[in-house]
C-alpha atoms as a PDB file:
ATOM      1  CA  MET A   1     -11.807  18.235   4.873  1.00  0.00           C
ATOM      2  CA  SER A   2      -9.319  16.521   6.948  1.00  0.00           C
ATOM      3  CA  THR A   3      -5.912  15.853   5.449  1.00  0.00           C
ATOM      4  CA  LEU A   4      -5.227  12.153   5.174  1.00  0.00           C
ATOM      5  CA  PRO A   5      -2.462  12.465   7.560  1.00  0.00           C
ATOM      6  CA  GLU A   6      -4.913  13.820   9.998  1.00  0.00           C
ATOM      7  CA  ILE A   7      -6.785  10.937   9.079  1.00  0.00           C
ATOM      8  CA  LEU A   8      -4.946   8.009   8.934  1.00  0.00           C
ATOM      9  CA  THR A   9      -1.946   8.772  11.761  1.00  0.00           C
ATOM     10  CA  SER A  10      -3.734  10.274  14.640  1.00  0.00           C
ATOM     11  CA  SER A  11      -3.193   8.658  17.897  1.00  0.00           C
ATOM     12  CA  VAL A  12      -6.682   7.039  17.482  1.00  0.00           C
ATOM     13  CA  GLY A  13      -7.174   6.446  13.516  1.00  0.00           C
ATOM     14  CA  ARG A  14      -3.220   4.914  13.269  1.00  0.00           C
ATOM     15  CA  PRO A  15      -4.133   1.538  14.418  1.00  0.00           C
ATOM     16  CA  ALA A  16      -6.938   1.143  12.270  1.00  0.00           C
ATOM     17  CA  ALA A  17      -5.450   2.366   9.580  1.00  0.00           C
ATOM     18  CA  VAL A  18      -2.487  -0.298   9.528  1.00  0.00           C
ATOM     19  CA  ARG A  19      -5.435  -2.784  10.235  1.00  0.00           C
ATOM     20  CA  ALA A  20      -7.541  -2.225   7.057  1.00  0.00           C
ATOM     21  CA  LEU A  21      -4.056  -1.802   4.795  1.00  0.00           C
ATOM     22  CA  ALA A  22      -2.977  -4.166   6.023  1.00  0.00           C
ATOM     23  CA  ASP A  23      -6.000  -6.308   5.234  1.00  0.00           C
ATOM     24  CA  VAL A  24      -6.258  -4.909   1.373  1.00  0.00           C
ATOM     25  CA  VAL A  25      -2.491  -6.024   0.996  1.00  0.00           C
ATOM     26  CA  GLU A  26      -2.943  -9.627   2.295  1.00  0.00           C
ATOM     27  CA  ASP A  27      -6.436  -9.675   0.667  1.00  0.00           C
ATOM     28  CA  GLU A  28      -4.797  -8.466  -2.880  1.00  0.00           C
ATOM     29  CA  VAL A  29      -2.121 -11.160  -2.622  1.00  0.00           C
ATOM     30  CA  ARG A  30      -4.744 -13.742  -1.773  1.00  0.00           C
ATOM     31  CA  ARG A  31      -6.429 -13.068  -4.630  1.00  0.00           C
ATOM     32  CA  LYS A  32      -3.760 -13.431  -7.270  1.00  0.00           C
ATOM     33  CA  SER A  33      -3.903 -16.082 -10.164  1.00  0.00           C
ATOM     34  CA  GLY A  34      -1.944 -17.303 -12.264  1.00  0.00           C
ATOM     35  CA  VAL A  35       2.497 -17.026 -12.478  1.00  0.00           C
ATOM     36  CA  GLY A  36       2.547 -13.772 -11.665  1.00  0.00           C
ATOM     37  CA  GLY A  37       0.142 -14.631  -8.857  1.00  0.00           C
ATOM     38  CA  MET A  38       2.641 -17.378  -7.532  1.00  0.00           C
ATOM     39  CA  ALA A  39       5.565 -15.292  -7.988  1.00  0.00           C
ATOM     40  CA  LEU A  40       3.618 -12.565  -5.638  1.00  0.00           C
ATOM     41  CA  LYS A  41       2.699 -14.776  -2.825  1.00  0.00           C
ATOM     42  CA  ALA A  42       6.230 -16.870  -2.915  1.00  0.00           C
ATOM     43  CA  GLY A  43       8.116 -13.453  -2.135  1.00  0.00           C
ATOM     44  CA  PHE A  44       5.404 -12.689   0.413  1.00  0.00           C
ATOM     45  CA  ALA A  45       5.952 -16.125   1.635  1.00  0.00           C
ATOM     46  CA  ALA A  46       9.159 -15.523   2.208  1.00  0.00           C
ATOM     47  CA  ALA A  47       9.130 -12.201   3.591  1.00  0.00           C
ATOM     48  CA  ALA A  48       6.874 -13.701   6.113  1.00  0.00           C
ATOM     49  CA  LYS A  49      10.412 -15.930   7.141  1.00  0.00           C
ATOM     50  CA  MET A  50      12.103 -13.503   8.297  1.00  0.00           C
ATOM     51  CA  ARG A  51       9.522 -11.572   9.934  1.00  0.00           C
ATOM     52  CA  PRO A  52       5.961 -12.492   9.829  1.00  0.00           C
ATOM     53  CA  ASP A  53       4.231  -9.318  11.304  1.00  0.00           C
ATOM     54  CA  LEU A  54       5.581  -7.894   7.710  1.00  0.00           C
ATOM     55  CA  VAL A  55       2.855  -6.451   6.244  1.00  0.00           C
ATOM     56  CA  PRO A  56       1.028  -4.259   9.172  1.00  0.00           C
ATOM     57  CA  HIS A  57       4.219  -3.457  10.551  1.00  0.00           C
ATOM     58  CA  ALA A  58       5.431  -2.121   6.763  1.00  0.00           C
ATOM     59  CA  ILE A  59       2.439   0.143   6.576  1.00  0.00           C
ATOM     60  CA  ASP A  60       2.826   1.156  10.194  1.00  0.00           C
ATOM     61  CA  LYS A  61       6.170   2.321   9.045  1.00  0.00           C
ATOM     62  CA  MET A  62       5.924   4.015   5.662  1.00  0.00           C
ATOM     63  CA  LEU A  63       1.801   5.507   6.973  1.00  0.00           C
ATOM     64  CA  PRO A  64       3.177   9.130   6.897  1.00  0.00           C
ATOM     65  CA  GLU A  65       4.632   9.009   3.380  1.00  0.00           C
ATOM     66  CA  PHE A  66       1.743   6.894   1.866  1.00  0.00           C
ATOM     67  CA  ALA A  67      -0.600   9.205   3.698  1.00  0.00           C
ATOM     68  CA  GLU A  68       1.344  12.796   2.014  1.00  0.00           C
ATOM     69  CA  ARG A  69       1.295  10.685  -0.991  1.00  0.00           C
ATOM     70  CA  LEU A  70      -2.323  10.036  -1.703  1.00  0.00           C
ATOM     71  CA  ASP A  71      -3.094  12.981   0.152  1.00  0.00           C
ATOM     72  CA  PRO A  72      -2.942  15.868  -3.019  1.00  0.00           C
ATOM     73  CA  TYR A  73      -5.957  12.893  -4.555  1.00  0.00           C
ATOM     74  CA  TRP A  74      -7.449  12.769  -1.649  1.00  0.00           C
ATOM     75  CA  GLN A  75      -8.078  16.461  -1.917  1.00  0.00           C
ATOM     76  CA  GLN A  76      -8.586  16.429  -5.537  1.00  0.00           C
ATOM     77  CA  ARG A  77     -11.605  13.573  -5.546  1.00  0.00           C
ATOM     78  CA  GLY A  78     -14.831  15.735  -5.454  1.00  0.00           C
ATOM     79  CA  GLU A  79     -17.672  13.380  -4.542  1.00  0.00           C
ATOM     80  CA  GLN A  80     -16.461  10.730  -6.741  1.00  0.00           C
ATOM     81  CA  PRO A  81     -15.436   7.834  -4.321  1.00  0.00           C
ATOM     82  CA  PHE A  82     -11.582   7.643  -3.689  1.00  0.00           C
ATOM     83  CA  GLY A  83     -11.866   4.157  -5.247  1.00  0.00           C
ATOM     84  CA  ALA A  84     -12.776   5.477  -8.549  1.00  0.00           C
ATOM     85  CA  TYR A  85     -10.607   8.221  -8.009  1.00  0.00           C
ATOM     86  CA  LEU A  86      -7.744   6.100  -7.670  1.00  0.00           C
ATOM     87  CA  GLN A  87      -8.259   4.126 -10.103  1.00  0.00           C
ATOM     88  CA  GLY A  88      -8.897   7.057 -12.682  1.00  0.00           C
ATOM     89  CA  HIS A  89      -4.896   8.326 -11.360  1.00  0.00           C
ATOM     90  CA  SER A  90      -4.030   5.074 -11.428  1.00  0.00           C
ATOM     91  CA  GLU A  91      -0.324   5.283 -13.271  1.00  0.00           C
ATOM     92  CA  PRO A  92       0.722   8.366 -10.969  1.00  0.00           C
ATOM     93  CA  VAL A  93      -1.051   6.997  -7.593  1.00  0.00           C
ATOM     94  CA  SER A  94       0.906   3.842  -8.160  1.00  0.00           C
ATOM     95  CA  ASP A  95       4.384   5.446  -8.932  1.00  0.00           C
ATOM     96  CA  ALA A  96       4.126   7.297  -5.941  1.00  0.00           C
ATOM     97  CA  LEU A  97       3.208   4.680  -3.203  1.00  0.00           C
ATOM     98  CA  LEU A  98       6.135   2.748  -4.990  1.00  0.00           C
ATOM     99  CA  GLY A  99       8.563   5.490  -4.267  1.00  0.00           C
ATOM    100  CA  VAL A 100       7.963   5.125  -0.931  1.00  0.00           C
ATOM    101  CA  THR A 101       8.934   1.879  -0.733  1.00  0.00           C
ATOM    102  CA  ASP A 102      11.869   1.880  -3.437  1.00  0.00           C
ATOM    103  CA  ALA A 103      13.491   4.395  -0.791  1.00  0.00           C
ATOM    104  CA  ARG A 104      12.782   2.436   1.661  1.00  0.00           C
ATOM    105  CA  LEU A 105      14.407  -0.478   0.694  1.00  0.00           C
ATOM    106  CA  GLN A 106      17.053   1.592  -0.158  1.00  0.00           C
ATOM    107  CA  ASN A 107      18.372   1.175   3.294  1.00  0.00           C
ATOM    108  CA  PRO A 108      20.994  -1.465   4.128  1.00  0.00           C
ATOM    109  CA  ASN A 109      19.439  -2.761   7.515  1.00  0.00           C
ATOM    110  CA  HIS A 110      16.357  -3.794   4.550  1.00  0.00           C
ATOM    111  CA  ALA A 111      18.961  -5.629   2.551  1.00  0.00           C
ATOM    112  CA  ALA A 112      16.879  -9.344   2.883  1.00  0.00           C
ATOM    113  CA  LEU A 113      13.845  -7.944   1.890  1.00  0.00           C
ATOM    114  CA  ALA A 114      15.099  -5.643  -0.954  1.00  0.00           C
ATOM    115  CA  LYS A 115      16.494  -8.563  -2.785  1.00  0.00           C
ATOM    116  CA  ILE A 116      12.798 -10.239  -3.071  1.00  0.00           C
ATOM    117  CA  TYR A 117      10.959  -7.058  -3.190  1.00  0.00           C
ATOM    118  CA  ALA A 118      13.272  -6.476  -6.220  1.00  0.00           C
ATOM    119  CA  ALA A 119      12.419  -9.553  -7.553  1.00  0.00           C
ATOM    120  CA  LEU A 120       9.066  -8.316  -7.601  1.00  0.00           C
ATOM    121  CA  ARG A 121       9.140  -5.340  -8.581  1.00  0.00           C
ATOM    122  CA  PRO A 122       9.013  -4.986 -12.880  1.00  0.00           C
ATOM    123  CA  LYS A 123       5.067  -5.937 -12.095  1.00  0.00           C
ATOM    124  CA  ALA A 124       5.030  -3.813  -8.641  1.00  0.00           C
ATOM    125  CA  ARG A 125       2.892  -1.062 -11.009  1.00  0.00           C
ATOM    126  CA  SER A 126       0.095  -3.337 -12.038  1.00  0.00           C
ATOM    127  CA  GLN A 127      -0.382  -5.250  -9.023  1.00  0.00           C
ATOM    128  CA  VAL A 128      -1.011  -1.494  -6.684  1.00  0.00           C
ATOM    129  CA  ALA A 129      -2.949  -0.401  -9.846  1.00  0.00           C
ATOM    130  CA  GLU A 130      -5.364  -2.940  -9.293  1.00  0.00           C
ATOM    131  CA  SER A 131      -5.428  -2.619  -5.850  1.00  0.00           C
ATOM    132  CA  LEU A 132      -6.466   1.190  -5.946  1.00  0.00           C
ATOM    133  CA  PRO A 133     -10.034   0.720  -5.713  1.00  0.00           C
ATOM    134  CA  ARG A 134     -10.226  -1.554  -2.442  1.00  0.00           C
ATOM    135  CA  LEU A 135      -7.669   0.933  -1.072  1.00  0.00           C
ATOM    136  CA  GLY A 136      -9.585   3.433  -1.631  1.00  0.00           C
ATOM    137  CA  ALA A 137     -12.466   2.226  -0.130  1.00  0.00           C
ATOM    138  CA  ALA A 138     -10.658   1.572   2.554  1.00  0.00           C
ATOM    139  CA  ILE A 139      -9.364   4.262   3.636  1.00  0.00           C
ATOM    140  CA  GLU A 140     -12.678   6.292   3.191  1.00  0.00           C
ATOM    141  CA  SER A 141     -13.973   3.820   5.878  1.00  0.00           C
ATOM    142  CA  LEU A 142     -11.872   5.043   7.934  1.00  0.00           C
ATOM    143  CA  ALA A 143     -12.393   8.671   6.877  1.00  0.00           C
ATOM    144  CA  ARG A 144     -16.257   8.393   8.319  1.00  0.00           C
END
């Protein structure tokens, strides 16, 4: 069985992985509603003013770390669809993924983005958890 780092970060697979995962993130943001959704959309809009390609750029930079963090779940999923498996482990998976972004934004070069992220971070675990079924399905489609 291939590892997620092999699948997602190979020279052939990486561009498709970046686009597919960016699509998941952007769709998740678009789907949000209510006060929390408005805050999330405003944060993304502010970040996009600084860097219009922020989502695919950030995914590309963090993809190796995301793949490493998700690989144990990929290896343990058995016959279960990956999205369903991730959803069943939403807290540790969400924390693992957010750990990557938390660490990345400690870099002083990211101070403006870190300020936006810090405002959104308190709700991030639930936002990430809600996206796990779609994230898992996108990854599974890339593995075929």
